[in-house]
């Protein structure tokens, strides 16, 4: 099954957050509500998808298998938690990292396929443009 670019980004974000929080992407995408740490990691992932990728609440809901009202609740919950300075600093770092992923992702497959399809052993970025 081939994932769309939006689905790939949602998976990347959830894998990133899951890696930092010790939760699996499968748990965050699962149908069950889950325990608090999984729920919070899912909320952070949905928040980042909404804020960093400019996805609508409905789009994030579709990507994470949730209703848009659930995504709205998650966004508000994370915004409320950001009143805590330590949590806000952590979220700022996550936003910066996801922003980098968002900027790099559109060109990745083109760059890599271009480098691997070159005939000589000296790939250059200029030759990929």
C-alpha atoms as a PDB file:
ATOM      1  CA  UNK A   1       0.000   0.000   0.000  1.00  0.00           C
ATOM      2  CA  UNK A   2       1.458   3.337  -1.075  1.00  0.00           C
ATOM      3  CA  UNK A   3       0.987   6.232   1.320  1.00  0.00           C
ATOM      4  CA  UNK A   4       0.205   9.764   0.174  1.00  0.00           C
ATOM      5  CA  UNK A   5       2.648  12.551   1.018  1.00  0.00           C
ATOM      6  CA  UNK A   6       0.345  13.699   3.834  1.00  0.00           C
ATOM      7  CA  UNK A   7       0.115  10.170   5.242  1.00  0.00           C
ATOM      8  CA  UNK A   8       3.891   9.809   5.069  1.00  0.00           C
ATOM      9  CA  UNK A   9       4.336  13.104   6.918  1.00  0.00           C
ATOM     10  CA  UNK A  10       1.837  12.090   9.615  1.00  0.00           C
ATOM     11  CA  UNK A  11       3.705   8.788  10.038  1.00  0.00           C
ATOM     12  CA  UNK A  12       7.065  10.570  10.213  1.00  0.00           C
ATOM     13  CA  UNK A  13       5.782  12.952  12.864  1.00  0.00           C
ATOM     14  CA  UNK A  14       4.251  10.151  14.927  1.00  0.00           C
ATOM     15  CA  UNK A  15       7.413   8.021  14.627  1.00  0.00           C
ATOM     16  CA  UNK A  16       9.486  11.031  15.730  1.00  0.00           C
ATOM     17  CA  UNK A  17       7.247  11.796  18.713  1.00  0.00           C
ATOM     18  CA  UNK A  18       6.933   8.093  19.505  1.00  0.00           C
ATOM     19  CA  UNK A  19      10.696   7.705  19.536  1.00  0.00           C
ATOM     20  CA  UNK A  20      11.050  10.573  21.973  1.00  0.00           C
ATOM     21  CA  UNK A  21       8.235   9.438  24.244  1.00  0.00           C
ATOM     22  CA  UNK A  22       8.729   5.672  24.058  1.00  0.00           C
ATOM     23  CA  UNK A  23       5.446   5.034  22.249  1.00  0.00           C
ATOM     24  CA  UNK A  24       4.926   3.199  18.997  1.00  0.00           C
ATOM     25  CA  UNK A  25       3.379   4.740  15.946  1.00  0.00           C
ATOM     26  CA  UNK A  26       0.999   1.772  15.839  1.00  0.00           C
ATOM     27  CA  UNK A  27      -0.318   2.651  19.293  1.00  0.00           C
ATOM     28  CA  UNK A  28      -0.821   6.270  18.292  1.00  0.00           C
ATOM     29  CA  UNK A  29      -2.685   5.300  15.117  1.00  0.00           C
ATOM     30  CA  UNK A  30      -4.653   2.542  16.844  1.00  0.00           C
ATOM     31  CA  UNK A  31      -8.410   2.729  17.175  1.00  0.00           C
ATOM     32  CA  UNK A  32      -8.389   2.374  20.965  1.00  0.00           C
ATOM     33  CA  UNK A  33      -8.106   5.458  23.119  1.00  0.00           C
ATOM     34  CA  UNK A  34      -5.062   4.058  24.887  1.00  0.00           C
ATOM     35  CA  UNK A  35      -3.377   4.949  28.126  1.00  0.00           C
ATOM     36  CA  UNK A  36      -2.457   8.520  29.016  1.00  0.00           C
ATOM     37  CA  UNK A  37       1.138   8.469  27.679  1.00  0.00           C
ATOM     38  CA  UNK A  38      -0.061   7.176  24.293  1.00  0.00           C
ATOM     39  CA  UNK A  39      -2.925   9.664  24.205  1.00  0.00           C
ATOM     40  CA  UNK A  40      -0.584  12.560  25.013  1.00  0.00           C
ATOM     41  CA  UNK A  41       1.930  11.451  22.362  1.00  0.00           C
ATOM     42  CA  UNK A  42      -0.915  11.221  19.819  1.00  0.00           C
ATOM     43  CA  UNK A  43      -2.120  14.687  20.821  1.00  0.00           C
ATOM     44  CA  UNK A  44       1.383  16.103  20.370  1.00  0.00           C
ATOM     45  CA  UNK A  45       1.661  14.416  16.959  1.00  0.00           C
ATOM     46  CA  UNK A  46      -1.705  15.738  15.809  1.00  0.00           C
ATOM     47  CA  UNK A  47      -0.848  19.215  17.112  1.00  0.00           C
ATOM     48  CA  UNK A  48       2.433  19.217  15.191  1.00  0.00           C
ATOM     49  CA  UNK A  49       0.714  18.025  12.004  1.00  0.00           C
ATOM     50  CA  UNK A  50      -1.823  20.828  12.343  1.00  0.00           C
ATOM     51  CA  UNK A  51       0.629  23.611  13.234  1.00  0.00           C
ATOM     52  CA  UNK A  52       3.766  22.695  11.278  1.00  0.00           C
ATOM     53  CA  UNK A  53       2.133  21.226   8.176  1.00  0.00           C
ATOM     54  CA  UNK A  54      -0.848  23.619   8.092  1.00  0.00           C
ATOM     55  CA  UNK A  55      -3.237  20.676   7.820  1.00  0.00           C
ATOM     56  CA  UNK A  56      -6.850  21.411   8.712  1.00  0.00           C
ATOM     57  CA  UNK A  57      -8.350  19.731  11.765  1.00  0.00           C
ATOM     58  CA  UNK A  58     -10.404  17.541   9.430  1.00  0.00           C
ATOM     59  CA  UNK A  59      -7.291  16.535   7.448  1.00  0.00           C
ATOM     60  CA  UNK A  60      -5.361  15.671  10.623  1.00  0.00           C
ATOM     61  CA  UNK A  61      -8.350  13.666  11.824  1.00  0.00           C
ATOM     62  CA  UNK A  62      -8.436  11.716   8.580  1.00  0.00           C
ATOM     63  CA  UNK A  63      -4.680  11.053   8.743  1.00  0.00           C
ATOM     64  CA  UNK A  64      -4.796   9.858  12.359  1.00  0.00           C
ATOM     65  CA  UNK A  65      -8.107   8.015  12.128  1.00  0.00           C
ATOM     66  CA  UNK A  66      -9.853  10.441  14.448  1.00  0.00           C
ATOM     67  CA  UNK A  67     -12.746  12.892  14.234  1.00  0.00           C
ATOM     68  CA  UNK A  68     -11.912  16.569  13.673  1.00  0.00           C
ATOM     69  CA  UNK A  69     -13.459  17.407  17.067  1.00  0.00           C
ATOM     70  CA  UNK A  70     -10.954  15.012  18.672  1.00  0.00           C
ATOM     71  CA  UNK A  71      -8.136  16.817  16.863  1.00  0.00           C
ATOM     72  CA  UNK A  72      -9.531  20.168  18.021  1.00  0.00           C
ATOM     73  CA  UNK A  73      -9.546  18.858  21.593  1.00  0.00           C
ATOM     74  CA  UNK A  74      -5.938  17.672  21.180  1.00  0.00           C
ATOM     75  CA  UNK A  75      -4.803  21.050  19.840  1.00  0.00           C
ATOM     76  CA  UNK A  76      -6.456  22.882  22.735  1.00  0.00           C
ATOM     77  CA  UNK A  77      -5.033  20.416  25.269  1.00  0.00           C
ATOM     78  CA  UNK A  78      -1.486  20.940  23.972  1.00  0.00           C
ATOM     79  CA  UNK A  79      -1.955  24.716  23.866  1.00  0.00           C
ATOM     80  CA  UNK A  80      -3.075  24.611  27.517  1.00  0.00           C
ATOM     81  CA  UNK A  81      -0.040  22.502  28.472  1.00  0.00           C
ATOM     82  CA  UNK A  82       2.245  25.049  26.822  1.00  0.00           C
ATOM     83  CA  UNK A  83       1.607  27.365  29.784  1.00  0.00           C
ATOM     84  CA  UNK A  84       4.261  25.243  31.501  1.00  0.00           C
ATOM     85  CA  UNK A  85       7.651  26.677  30.472  1.00  0.00           C
ATOM     86  CA  UNK A  86       9.445  23.315  30.356  1.00  0.00           C
ATOM     87  CA  UNK A  87       6.760  21.722  28.188  1.00  0.00           C
ATOM     88  CA  UNK A  88       6.678  24.805  25.954  1.00  0.00           C
ATOM     89  CA  UNK A  89      10.458  24.622  25.442  1.00  0.00           C
ATOM     90  CA  UNK A  90      10.136  20.946  24.511  1.00  0.00           C
ATOM     91  CA  UNK A  91       7.332  21.720  22.066  1.00  0.00           C
ATOM     92  CA  UNK A  92       9.373  24.547  20.499  1.00  0.00           C
ATOM     93  CA  UNK A  93      12.165  22.053  19.844  1.00  0.00           C
ATOM     94  CA  UNK A  94       9.715  19.590  18.312  1.00  0.00           C
ATOM     95  CA  UNK A  95       8.229  22.295  16.089  1.00  0.00           C
ATOM     96  CA  UNK A  96      11.696  23.252  14.849  1.00  0.00           C
ATOM     97  CA  UNK A  97      12.522  19.614  14.059  1.00  0.00           C
ATOM     98  CA  UNK A  98       9.231  19.011  12.250  1.00  0.00           C
ATOM     99  CA  UNK A  99       9.653  22.258  10.307  1.00  0.00           C
ATOM    100  CA  UNK A 100      12.978  20.896   9.040  1.00  0.00           C
ATOM    101  CA  UNK A 101      11.316  17.590   8.060  1.00  0.00           C
ATOM    102  CA  UNK A 102       8.579  19.487   6.218  1.00  0.00           C
ATOM    103  CA  UNK A 103      11.125  21.555   4.286  1.00  0.00           C
ATOM    104  CA  UNK A 104      13.278  18.545   3.347  1.00  0.00           C
ATOM    105  CA  UNK A 105      10.617  15.996   2.467  1.00  0.00           C
ATOM    106  CA  UNK A 106       9.316  17.305  -0.894  1.00  0.00           C
ATOM    107  CA  UNK A 107      12.711  16.991  -2.605  1.00  0.00           C
ATOM    108  CA  UNK A 108      14.037  13.858  -0.940  1.00  0.00           C
ATOM    109  CA  UNK A 109      12.819  11.207  -3.378  1.00  0.00           C
ATOM    110  CA  UNK A 110      13.799  13.295  -6.395  1.00  0.00           C
ATOM    111  CA  UNK A 111      17.278  13.952  -5.060  1.00  0.00           C
ATOM    112  CA  UNK A 112      17.922  10.370  -4.044  1.00  0.00           C
ATOM    113  CA  UNK A 113      16.560   8.807  -7.219  1.00  0.00           C
ATOM    114  CA  UNK A 114      18.574  11.283  -9.295  1.00  0.00           C
ATOM    115  CA  UNK A 115      21.760  10.378  -7.451  1.00  0.00           C
ATOM    116  CA  UNK A 116      21.194   6.646  -7.797  1.00  0.00           C
ATOM    117  CA  UNK A 117      20.314   6.840 -11.471  1.00  0.00           C
ATOM    118  CA  UNK A 118      23.469   8.695 -12.501  1.00  0.00           C
ATOM    119  CA  UNK A 119      25.829   6.766 -14.756  1.00  0.00           C
ATOM    120  CA  UNK A 120      29.115   7.967 -13.264  1.00  0.00           C
ATOM    121  CA  UNK A 121      30.250   7.605  -9.667  1.00  0.00           C
ATOM    122  CA  UNK A 122      30.342  11.346  -9.021  1.00  0.00           C
ATOM    123  CA  UNK A 123      26.794  12.560  -8.283  1.00  0.00           C
ATOM    124  CA  UNK A 124      26.418  16.266  -7.908  1.00  0.00           C
ATOM    125  CA  UNK A 125      23.554  18.346  -6.610  1.00  0.00           C
ATOM    126  CA  UNK A 126      23.768  20.600  -9.684  1.00  0.00           C
ATOM    127  CA  UNK A 127      23.072  17.622 -11.941  1.00  0.00           C
ATOM    128  CA  UNK A 128      19.836  16.962 -10.061  1.00  0.00           C
ATOM    129  CA  UNK A 129      18.264  20.325 -10.839  1.00  0.00           C
END
